[in-house]
C-alpha atoms as a PDB file:
ATOM      1  CA  MET A   1      21.660  -9.637  17.351  1.00  0.00           C
ATOM      2  CA  GLY A   2      21.533 -11.746  14.292  1.00  0.00           C
ATOM      3  CA  LEU A   3      21.394 -10.735  10.645  1.00  0.00           C
ATOM      4  CA  ILE A   4      17.569 -10.752  10.503  1.00  0.00           C
ATOM      5  CA  GLY A   5      17.412  -8.624  13.584  1.00  0.00           C
ATOM      6  CA  GLN A   6      19.761  -6.091  12.030  1.00  0.00           C
ATOM      7  CA  ILE A   7      17.791  -5.984   8.792  1.00  0.00           C
ATOM      8  CA  THR A   8      14.473  -5.454  10.596  1.00  0.00           C
ATOM      9  CA  SER A   9      16.003  -2.725  12.827  1.00  0.00           C
ATOM     10  CA  VAL A  10      17.296  -0.997   9.667  1.00  0.00           C
ATOM     11  CA  ILE A  11      13.870  -1.069   8.063  1.00  0.00           C
ATOM     12  CA  PHE A  12      11.671  -0.406  11.007  1.00  0.00           C
ATOM     13  CA  GLY A  13      14.019   1.267  13.487  1.00  0.00           C
ATOM     14  CA  ASP A  14      14.915   0.219  17.033  1.00  0.00           C
ATOM     15  CA  GLY A  15      12.289   0.161  19.767  1.00  0.00           C
ATOM     16  CA  ARG A  16       9.392   1.041  17.475  1.00  0.00           C
ATOM     17  CA  ASN A  17       6.250  -0.904  16.708  1.00  0.00           C
ATOM     18  CA  ALA A  18       5.956  -0.723  12.952  1.00  0.00           C
ATOM     19  CA  VAL A  19       2.483  -2.313  12.817  1.00  0.00           C
ATOM     20  CA  THR A  20       1.035   0.321  15.197  1.00  0.00           C
ATOM     21  CA  GLU A  21       2.691   3.166  13.409  1.00  0.00           C
ATOM     22  CA  THR A  22       1.513   1.916  10.051  1.00  0.00           C
ATOM     23  CA  LEU A  23      -2.067   1.571  11.261  1.00  0.00           C
ATOM     24  CA  GLN A  24      -2.029   5.091  12.689  1.00  0.00           C
ATOM     25  CA  VAL A  25      -1.452   6.396   9.173  1.00  0.00           C
ATOM     26  CA  PHE A  26      -4.670   4.825   7.919  1.00  0.00           C
ATOM     27  CA  ARG A  27      -6.825   5.196  11.061  1.00  0.00           C
ATOM     28  CA  GLU A  28      -8.611   8.484  11.720  1.00  0.00           C
ATOM     29  CA  ASN A  29      -7.467  10.429  14.758  1.00  0.00           C
ATOM     30  CA  ALA A  30     -10.596  10.614  17.003  1.00  0.00           C
ATOM     31  CA  GLU A  31      -9.907  14.157  18.235  1.00  0.00           C
ATOM     32  CA  ASN A  32      -9.296  15.538  14.751  1.00  0.00           C
ATOM     33  CA  GLY A  33     -12.316  13.741  13.448  1.00  0.00           C
ATOM     34  CA  ALA A  34     -14.517  15.290  16.169  1.00  0.00           C
ATOM     35  CA  VAL A  35     -13.239  18.759  15.303  1.00  0.00           C
ATOM     36  CA  ARG A  36     -13.860  18.196  11.586  1.00  0.00           C
ATOM     37  CA  ASP A  37     -17.402  16.921  12.280  1.00  0.00           C
ATOM     38  CA  ALA A  38     -18.152  19.923  14.514  1.00  0.00           C
ATOM     39  CA  ASP A  39     -16.867  22.324  11.780  1.00  0.00           C
ATOM     40  CA  VAL A  40     -18.958  20.637   9.123  1.00  0.00           C
ATOM     41  CA  LYS A  41     -22.112  20.660  11.268  1.00  0.00           C
ATOM     42  CA  SER A  42     -21.715  24.316  12.267  1.00  0.00           C
ATOM     43  CA  ALA A  43     -21.127  25.220   8.612  1.00  0.00           C
ATOM     44  CA  ALA A  44     -24.264  23.354   7.554  1.00  0.00           C
ATOM     45  CA  LEU A  45     -26.289  25.087  10.251  1.00  0.00           C
ATOM     46  CA  ALA A  46     -24.949  28.481   9.205  1.00  0.00           C
ATOM     47  CA  GLN A  47     -25.864  27.727   5.550  1.00  0.00           C
ATOM     48  CA  LEU A  48     -29.435  26.754   6.543  1.00  0.00           C
ATOM     49  CA  ALA A  49     -29.832  29.833   8.714  1.00  0.00           C
ATOM     50  CA  ALA A  50     -28.819  32.152   5.869  1.00  0.00           C
END
């Protein structure tokens, strides 16, 4: 492994996809988003029913 490879492994770690992991930070998790949407909708319906 060359110098550039060692530098990138220090920064990003070995065997990890840094681009994918970085995007997961900014992209919404679909399951958590669905739970949040259901909670918001049920709270809105409860508010209208009151």
